[in-house]
């Protein structure tokens, strides 16, 4: 459980740094004199996602342990889903951060040109489709791996509190994404994962990832609903 808490804490720190990176004016400077990217785009595309995806992989390895299920087809399928999901997340970050930078810098005043229509579509549509596909695959794989490899360690009250604390940061990230912008595909993605995690929690009991995701996604959805109503 200590390793699980640590890896979830890494995700919480990354979520916080992503918000600071996006909101802070000190990240708007250019990485190189040729102005190919700003620091905010560079960190959102490379450093922060890389830390997050490494933590996801280590979390996956922590959940797994030696058992007959390890050599089964279900485990192989979940591994493939996880790997493909990681690739899609990486591809989405690369597409979104570059086109978002170009969109903001060159296309706000000329959205109708052929070049800007392509840039804006990649920024606002295609990169999001790829991201949410990868996001669902990675997080669903983690949930179903927990189902395949049930936790064998007693979950104490302290463990519950730490899971809830880390879930709060993920829920806050969901709120920041859904609560103050026009809701689109992201609502259905988060709702689907919230339902899956709650169903698994109900069927299989107190497993760390079921607890973490159920608290995070339902907290994020509830907060987003309130924020949307108050807008």
C-alpha atoms as a PDB file:
ATOM      1  CA  UNK A   1       0.000   0.000   0.000  1.00  0.00           C
ATOM      2  CA  UNK A   2       2.879   2.373   0.668  1.00  0.00           C
ATOM      3  CA  UNK A   3       4.012   2.126  -2.949  1.00  0.00           C
ATOM      4  CA  UNK A   4       0.460   2.621  -4.224  1.00  0.00           C
ATOM      5  CA  UNK A   5       0.054   5.753  -2.081  1.00  0.00           C
ATOM      6  CA  UNK A   6       3.400   7.084  -3.311  1.00  0.00           C
ATOM      7  CA  UNK A   7       2.559   6.552  -6.995  1.00  0.00           C
ATOM      8  CA  UNK A   8      -0.880   8.120  -6.570  1.00  0.00           C
ATOM      9  CA  UNK A   9       0.791  11.042  -4.801  1.00  0.00           C
ATOM     10  CA  UNK A  10       3.015  11.478  -7.867  1.00  0.00           C
ATOM     11  CA  UNK A  11      -0.132  11.759  -9.988  1.00  0.00           C
ATOM     12  CA  UNK A  12      -1.515  14.328  -7.537  1.00  0.00           C
ATOM     13  CA  UNK A  13       1.673  16.399  -7.778  1.00  0.00           C
ATOM     14  CA  UNK A  14       1.595  16.194 -11.580  1.00  0.00           C
ATOM     15  CA  UNK A  15      -2.050  17.328 -11.640  1.00  0.00           C
ATOM     16  CA  UNK A  16      -1.112  20.303  -9.455  1.00  0.00           C
ATOM     17  CA  UNK A  17       1.905  21.168 -11.611  1.00  0.00           C
ATOM     18  CA  UNK A  18      -0.195  21.000 -14.778  1.00  0.00           C
ATOM     19  CA  UNK A  19      -2.546  23.621 -13.326  1.00  0.00           C
ATOM     20  CA  UNK A  20       0.347  25.818 -12.188  1.00  0.00           C
ATOM     21  CA  UNK A  21       2.024  25.417 -15.579  1.00  0.00           C
ATOM     22  CA  UNK A  22      -1.109  26.453 -17.458  1.00  0.00           C
ATOM     23  CA  UNK A  23      -2.051  29.347 -15.191  1.00  0.00           C
ATOM     24  CA  UNK A  24       1.385  30.784 -14.432  1.00  0.00           C
ATOM     25  CA  UNK A  25       2.631  33.642 -16.567  1.00  0.00           C
ATOM     26  CA  UNK A  26       6.255  32.605 -15.984  1.00  0.00           C
ATOM     27  CA  UNK A  27       5.814  29.641 -18.363  1.00  0.00           C
ATOM     28  CA  UNK A  28       4.862  31.779 -21.365  1.00  0.00           C
ATOM     29  CA  UNK A  29       8.463  32.448 -22.436  1.00  0.00           C
ATOM     30  CA  UNK A  30       9.906  30.651 -25.453  1.00  0.00           C
ATOM     31  CA  UNK A  31      12.060  27.539 -25.099  1.00  0.00           C
ATOM     32  CA  UNK A  32      14.476  28.538 -27.876  1.00  0.00           C
ATOM     33  CA  UNK A  33      15.136  31.748 -29.840  1.00  0.00           C
ATOM     34  CA  UNK A  34      13.305  30.277 -32.859  1.00  0.00           C
ATOM     35  CA  UNK A  35      10.108  30.315 -30.724  1.00  0.00           C
ATOM     36  CA  UNK A  36       9.064  26.785 -31.702  1.00  0.00           C
ATOM     37  CA  UNK A  37       7.255  26.310 -28.368  1.00  0.00           C
ATOM     38  CA  UNK A  38       6.609  28.079 -25.098  1.00  0.00           C
ATOM     39  CA  UNK A  39       7.665  26.493 -21.826  1.00  0.00           C
ATOM     40  CA  UNK A  40       4.009  25.822 -20.961  1.00  0.00           C
ATOM     41  CA  UNK A  41       3.579  23.778 -24.148  1.00  0.00           C
ATOM     42  CA  UNK A  42       6.920  22.021 -23.732  1.00  0.00           C
ATOM     43  CA  UNK A  43       6.220  20.889 -20.170  1.00  0.00           C
ATOM     44  CA  UNK A  44       2.627  19.875 -20.936  1.00  0.00           C
ATOM     45  CA  UNK A  45       3.821  17.803 -23.896  1.00  0.00           C
ATOM     46  CA  UNK A  46       6.972  16.189 -22.501  1.00  0.00           C
ATOM     47  CA  UNK A  47       8.010  16.507 -18.881  1.00  0.00           C
ATOM     48  CA  UNK A  48       4.710  16.312 -16.987  1.00  0.00           C
ATOM     49  CA  UNK A  49       3.011  13.578 -19.085  1.00  0.00           C
ATOM     50  CA  UNK A  50       6.204  11.523 -19.030  1.00  0.00           C
ATOM     51  CA  UNK A  51       6.278  11.579 -15.219  1.00  0.00           C
ATOM     52  CA  UNK A  52       2.580  10.683 -15.103  1.00  0.00           C
ATOM     53  CA  UNK A  53       2.860   7.789 -17.563  1.00  0.00           C
ATOM     54  CA  UNK A  54       5.897   6.335 -15.797  1.00  0.00           C
ATOM     55  CA  UNK A  55       3.910   6.459 -12.536  1.00  0.00           C
ATOM     56  CA  UNK A  56       0.994   4.700 -14.278  1.00  0.00           C
ATOM     57  CA  UNK A  57       3.306   1.926 -15.435  1.00  0.00           C
ATOM     58  CA  UNK A  58       4.838   1.470 -11.976  1.00  0.00           C
ATOM     59  CA  UNK A  59       1.333   1.434 -10.495  1.00  0.00           C
ATOM     60  CA  UNK A  60       0.369  -1.307 -12.924  1.00  0.00           C
ATOM     61  CA  UNK A  61       3.418  -3.353 -11.923  1.00  0.00           C
ATOM     62  CA  UNK A  62       2.594  -2.808  -8.244  1.00  0.00           C
ATOM     63  CA  UNK A  63      -0.956  -4.104  -8.665  1.00  0.00           C
ATOM     64  CA  UNK A  64       0.191  -7.271 -10.447  1.00  0.00           C
ATOM     65  CA  UNK A  65       1.670 -10.252  -8.601  1.00  0.00           C
ATOM     66  CA  UNK A  66       2.446 -13.906  -9.281  1.00  0.00           C
ATOM     67  CA  UNK A  67      -0.743 -15.891  -9.760  1.00  0.00           C
ATOM     68  CA  UNK A  68      -2.321 -18.134 -12.420  1.00  0.00           C
ATOM     69  CA  UNK A  69      -4.052 -15.024 -13.807  1.00  0.00           C
ATOM     70  CA  UNK A  70      -0.665 -13.585 -14.760  1.00  0.00           C
ATOM     71  CA  UNK A  71      -0.314 -16.026 -17.662  1.00  0.00           C
ATOM     72  CA  UNK A  72      -3.929 -15.843 -18.784  1.00  0.00           C
ATOM     73  CA  UNK A  73      -5.450 -14.272 -21.870  1.00  0.00           C
ATOM     74  CA  UNK A  74      -7.255 -11.635 -19.837  1.00  0.00           C
ATOM     75  CA  UNK A  75      -3.977 -10.352 -18.447  1.00  0.00           C
ATOM     76  CA  UNK A  76      -2.415 -10.247 -21.915  1.00  0.00           C
ATOM     77  CA  UNK A  77      -5.447  -8.354 -23.262  1.00  0.00           C
ATOM     78  CA  UNK A  78      -5.313  -5.816 -20.423  1.00  0.00           C
ATOM     79  CA  UNK A  79      -1.584  -5.324 -20.999  1.00  0.00           C
ATOM     80  CA  UNK A  80      -2.235  -4.607 -24.665  1.00  0.00           C
ATOM     81  CA  UNK A  81      -5.013  -2.158 -23.808  1.00  0.00           C
ATOM     82  CA  UNK A  82      -2.686  -0.402 -21.356  1.00  0.00           C
ATOM     83  CA  UNK A  83       0.189  -0.162 -23.871  1.00  0.00           C
ATOM     84  CA  UNK A  84      -2.041   1.116 -26.687  1.00  0.00           C
ATOM     85  CA  UNK A  85      -3.593   3.596 -24.274  1.00  0.00           C
ATOM     86  CA  UNK A  86      -0.170   4.934 -23.313  1.00  0.00           C
ATOM     87  CA  UNK A  87       0.722   5.393 -26.978  1.00  0.00           C
ATOM     88  CA  UNK A  88      -2.515   7.242 -27.694  1.00  0.00           C
ATOM     89  CA  UNK A  89      -2.021   9.525 -24.701  1.00  0.00           C
ATOM     90  CA  UNK A  90       1.490  10.379 -25.898  1.00  0.00           C
ATOM     91  CA  UNK A  91       0.253  11.022 -29.438  1.00  0.00           C
ATOM     92  CA  UNK A  92      -2.546  13.250 -28.162  1.00  0.00           C
ATOM     93  CA  UNK A  93      -0.190  15.370 -26.054  1.00  0.00           C
ATOM     94  CA  UNK A  94       2.104  15.870 -29.042  1.00  0.00           C
ATOM     95  CA  UNK A  95      -0.744  16.860 -31.340  1.00  0.00           C
ATOM     96  CA  UNK A  96      -2.601  19.055 -28.859  1.00  0.00           C
ATOM     97  CA  UNK A  97       0.207  21.106 -27.339  1.00  0.00           C
ATOM     98  CA  UNK A  98       1.788  22.056 -30.671  1.00  0.00           C
ATOM     99  CA  UNK A  99      -1.487  22.950 -32.366  1.00  0.00           C
ATOM    100  CA  UNK A 100      -2.770  24.754 -29.269  1.00  0.00           C
ATOM    101  CA  UNK A 101       0.327  26.960 -29.339  1.00  0.00           C
ATOM    102  CA  UNK A 102      -0.134  27.666 -33.056  1.00  0.00           C
ATOM    103  CA  UNK A 103      -3.854  28.238 -32.567  1.00  0.00           C
ATOM    104  CA  UNK A 104      -3.358  30.818 -29.816  1.00  0.00           C
ATOM    105  CA  UNK A 105      -0.466  32.567 -31.523  1.00  0.00           C
ATOM    106  CA  UNK A 106      -1.579  32.720 -35.154  1.00  0.00           C
ATOM    107  CA  UNK A 107      -5.230  31.726 -35.568  1.00  0.00           C
ATOM    108  CA  UNK A 108      -7.308  33.715 -33.085  1.00  0.00           C
ATOM    109  CA  UNK A 109      -7.622  36.554 -35.589  1.00  0.00           C
ATOM    110  CA  UNK A 110      -7.757  34.384 -38.727  1.00  0.00           C
ATOM    111  CA  UNK A 111      -9.703  31.196 -37.912  1.00  0.00           C
ATOM    112  CA  UNK A 112     -11.176  30.840 -41.403  1.00  0.00           C
ATOM    113  CA  UNK A 113      -7.956  30.302 -43.360  1.00  0.00           C
ATOM    114  CA  UNK A 114      -7.245  26.791 -44.620  1.00  0.00           C
ATOM    115  CA  UNK A 115      -4.156  26.397 -42.434  1.00  0.00           C
ATOM    116  CA  UNK A 116      -5.889  27.653 -39.297  1.00  0.00           C
ATOM    117  CA  UNK A 117      -8.903  25.416 -39.861  1.00  0.00           C
ATOM    118  CA  UNK A 118      -6.529  22.431 -39.787  1.00  0.00           C
ATOM    119  CA  UNK A 119      -4.679  23.728 -36.734  1.00  0.00           C
ATOM    120  CA  UNK A 120      -7.914  24.446 -34.841  1.00  0.00           C
ATOM    121  CA  UNK A 121      -9.404  21.051 -35.707  1.00  0.00           C
ATOM    122  CA  UNK A 122      -6.326  19.274 -34.370  1.00  0.00           C
ATOM    123  CA  UNK A 123      -6.292  21.450 -31.256  1.00  0.00           C
ATOM    124  CA  UNK A 124      -9.995  21.389 -30.351  1.00  0.00           C
ATOM    125  CA  UNK A 125     -11.222  18.115 -31.817  1.00  0.00           C
ATOM    126  CA  UNK A 126      -8.860  15.415 -33.034  1.00  0.00           C
ATOM    127  CA  UNK A 127      -6.300  15.612 -30.230  1.00  0.00           C
ATOM    128  CA  UNK A 128      -9.149  15.407 -27.700  1.00  0.00           C
ATOM    129  CA  UNK A 129     -10.593  12.293 -29.346  1.00  0.00           C
ATOM    130  CA  UNK A 130      -7.203  10.599 -29.244  1.00  0.00           C
ATOM    131  CA  UNK A 131      -6.566  11.737 -25.652  1.00  0.00           C
ATOM    132  CA  UNK A 132      -9.852  10.478 -24.248  1.00  0.00           C
ATOM    133  CA  UNK A 133      -9.522   7.155 -26.051  1.00  0.00           C
ATOM    134  CA  UNK A 134      -6.095   6.665 -24.486  1.00  0.00           C
ATOM    135  CA  UNK A 135      -7.306   7.984 -21.118  1.00  0.00           C
ATOM    136  CA  UNK A 136     -10.151   5.484 -20.978  1.00  0.00           C
ATOM    137  CA  UNK A 137      -7.914   2.606 -22.051  1.00  0.00           C
ATOM    138  CA  UNK A 138      -5.192   3.292 -19.465  1.00  0.00           C
ATOM    139  CA  UNK A 139      -7.526   3.915 -16.533  1.00  0.00           C
ATOM    140  CA  UNK A 140      -9.906   1.079 -17.418  1.00  0.00           C
ATOM    141  CA  UNK A 141      -6.915  -1.256 -17.709  1.00  0.00           C
ATOM    142  CA  UNK A 142      -5.777  -0.226 -14.210  1.00  0.00           C
ATOM    143  CA  UNK A 143      -9.270  -0.851 -12.831  1.00  0.00           C
ATOM    144  CA  UNK A 144      -9.636  -4.270 -14.420  1.00  0.00           C
ATOM    145  CA  UNK A 145      -6.087  -5.247 -13.464  1.00  0.00           C
ATOM    146  CA  UNK A 146      -7.063  -4.508  -9.862  1.00  0.00           C
ATOM    147  CA  UNK A 147     -10.080  -6.745 -10.421  1.00  0.00           C
ATOM    148  CA  UNK A 148      -7.824  -9.498 -11.815  1.00  0.00           C
ATOM    149  CA  UNK A 149      -5.244  -9.079  -9.039  1.00  0.00           C
ATOM    150  CA  UNK A 150      -7.200  -8.297  -5.852  1.00  0.00           C
ATOM    151  CA  UNK A 151      -5.264  -6.546  -3.125  1.00  0.00           C
ATOM    152  CA  UNK A 152      -4.033  -9.012  -0.505  1.00  0.00           C
ATOM    153  CA  UNK A 153      -3.095  -6.435   2.138  1.00  0.00           C
ATOM    154  CA  UNK A 154      -5.508  -5.085   4.752  1.00  0.00           C
ATOM    155  CA  UNK A 155      -6.692  -1.563   3.945  1.00  0.00           C
ATOM    156  CA  UNK A 156      -6.518   0.445   7.141  1.00  0.00           C
ATOM    157  CA  UNK A 157      -8.287   3.669   8.035  1.00  0.00           C
ATOM    158  CA  UNK A 158      -5.051   5.521   7.250  1.00  0.00           C
ATOM    159  CA  UNK A 159      -4.955   3.873   3.826  1.00  0.00           C
ATOM    160  CA  UNK A 160      -8.530   4.989   3.186  1.00  0.00           C
ATOM    161  CA  UNK A 161      -7.664   8.550   4.154  1.00  0.00           C
ATOM    162  CA  UNK A 162      -4.609   8.618   1.882  1.00  0.00           C
ATOM    163  CA  UNK A 163      -6.590   7.162  -1.022  1.00  0.00           C
ATOM    164  CA  UNK A 164      -9.280   9.795  -0.477  1.00  0.00           C
ATOM    165  CA  UNK A 165      -6.677  12.570  -0.285  1.00  0.00           C
ATOM    166  CA  UNK A 166      -5.081  11.597  -3.580  1.00  0.00           C
ATOM    167  CA  UNK A 167      -8.529  11.108  -5.111  1.00  0.00           C
ATOM    168  CA  UNK A 168      -9.339  14.691  -4.144  1.00  0.00           C
ATOM    169  CA  UNK A 169      -6.552  15.963  -6.424  1.00  0.00           C
ATOM    170  CA  UNK A 170      -7.814  13.890  -9.361  1.00  0.00           C
ATOM    171  CA  UNK A 171     -11.358  15.061  -8.645  1.00  0.00           C
ATOM    172  CA  UNK A 172     -10.122  18.664  -8.601  1.00  0.00           C
ATOM    173  CA  UNK A 173      -8.501  18.105 -12.009  1.00  0.00           C
ATOM    174  CA  UNK A 174     -11.804  16.741 -13.332  1.00  0.00           C
ATOM    175  CA  UNK A 175     -13.600  19.792 -11.910  1.00  0.00           C
ATOM    176  CA  UNK A 176     -11.096  22.154 -13.535  1.00  0.00           C
ATOM    177  CA  UNK A 177     -11.674  20.464 -16.884  1.00  0.00           C
ATOM    178  CA  UNK A 178     -15.457  20.047 -16.760  1.00  0.00           C
ATOM    179  CA  UNK A 179     -16.702  22.732 -14.418  1.00  0.00           C
ATOM    180  CA  UNK A 180     -15.658  25.941 -16.156  1.00  0.00           C
ATOM    181  CA  UNK A 181     -15.658  25.124 -19.858  1.00  0.00           C
ATOM    182  CA  UNK A 182     -18.165  23.879 -22.396  1.00  0.00           C
ATOM    183  CA  UNK A 183     -18.774  20.218 -21.669  1.00  0.00           C
ATOM    184  CA  UNK A 184     -18.265  17.761 -24.502  1.00  0.00           C
ATOM    185  CA  UNK A 185     -16.886  14.253 -24.871  1.00  0.00           C
ATOM    186  CA  UNK A 186     -14.988  14.547 -21.587  1.00  0.00           C
ATOM    187  CA  UNK A 187     -18.239  14.366 -19.584  1.00  0.00           C
ATOM    188  CA  UNK A 188     -19.152  10.969 -21.048  1.00  0.00           C
ATOM    189  CA  UNK A 189     -15.609   9.664 -20.537  1.00  0.00           C
ATOM    190  CA  UNK A 190     -15.488  10.623 -16.869  1.00  0.00           C
ATOM    191  CA  UNK A 191     -19.059   9.412 -16.275  1.00  0.00           C
ATOM    192  CA  UNK A 192     -18.264   6.034 -17.855  1.00  0.00           C
ATOM    193  CA  UNK A 193     -15.177   5.563 -15.677  1.00  0.00           C
ATOM    194  CA  UNK A 194     -17.122   6.694 -12.599  1.00  0.00           C
ATOM    195  CA  UNK A 195     -19.803   4.081 -13.262  1.00  0.00           C
ATOM    196  CA  UNK A 196     -17.247   1.321 -13.919  1.00  0.00           C
ATOM    197  CA  UNK A 197     -15.275   2.093 -10.750  1.00  0.00           C
ATOM    198  CA  UNK A 198     -18.418   2.263  -8.589  1.00  0.00           C
ATOM    199  CA  UNK A 199     -19.716  -1.002 -10.055  1.00  0.00           C
ATOM    200  CA  UNK A 200     -16.431  -2.779  -9.353  1.00  0.00           C
ATOM    201  CA  UNK A 201     -16.352  -1.341  -5.818  1.00  0.00           C
ATOM    202  CA  UNK A 202     -19.863  -2.646  -5.238  1.00  0.00           C
ATOM    203  CA  UNK A 203     -19.107  -6.095  -6.694  1.00  0.00           C
ATOM    204  CA  UNK A 204     -15.576  -6.698  -5.403  1.00  0.00           C
ATOM    205  CA  UNK A 205     -15.385  -4.615  -2.244  1.00  0.00           C
ATOM    206  CA  UNK A 206     -12.700  -2.296  -0.903  1.00  0.00           C
ATOM    207  CA  UNK A 207      -9.880  -2.508  -3.408  1.00  0.00           C
ATOM    208  CA  UNK A 208      -7.443   0.452  -3.545  1.00  0.00           C
ATOM    209  CA  UNK A 209      -8.024   1.499  -7.152  1.00  0.00           C
ATOM    210  CA  UNK A 210     -11.790   1.062  -6.919  1.00  0.00           C
ATOM    211  CA  UNK A 211     -11.868   3.350  -3.886  1.00  0.00           C
ATOM    212  CA  UNK A 212      -9.520   5.895  -5.467  1.00  0.00           C
ATOM    213  CA  UNK A 213     -11.325   6.197  -8.789  1.00  0.00           C
ATOM    214  CA  UNK A 214     -14.834   6.086  -7.336  1.00  0.00           C
ATOM    215  CA  UNK A 215     -14.124   8.985  -4.976  1.00  0.00           C
ATOM    216  CA  UNK A 216     -12.201  10.975  -7.586  1.00  0.00           C
ATOM    217  CA  UNK A 217     -14.618  10.693 -10.492  1.00  0.00           C
ATOM    218  CA  UNK A 218     -17.846  11.094  -8.552  1.00  0.00           C
ATOM    219  CA  UNK A 219     -16.390  14.040  -6.646  1.00  0.00           C
ATOM    220  CA  UNK A 220     -15.274  15.602  -9.930  1.00  0.00           C
ATOM    221  CA  UNK A 221     -18.667  15.018 -11.568  1.00  0.00           C
ATOM    222  CA  UNK A 222     -20.605  16.433  -8.625  1.00  0.00           C
ATOM    223  CA  UNK A 223     -18.376  19.488  -8.390  1.00  0.00           C
ATOM    224  CA  UNK A 224     -18.588  20.052 -12.141  1.00  0.00           C
ATOM    225  CA  UNK A 225     -22.384  19.875 -12.059  1.00  0.00           C
ATOM    226  CA  UNK A 226     -22.519  22.505  -9.326  1.00  0.00           C
ATOM    227  CA  UNK A 227     -20.012  24.715 -11.158  1.00  0.00           C
ATOM    228  CA  UNK A 228     -21.948  24.470 -14.424  1.00  0.00           C
ATOM    229  CA  UNK A 229     -25.215  25.385 -12.699  1.00  0.00           C
ATOM    230  CA  UNK A 230     -23.601  28.415 -11.032  1.00  0.00           C
ATOM    231  CA  UNK A 231     -21.935  29.709 -14.228  1.00  0.00           C
END
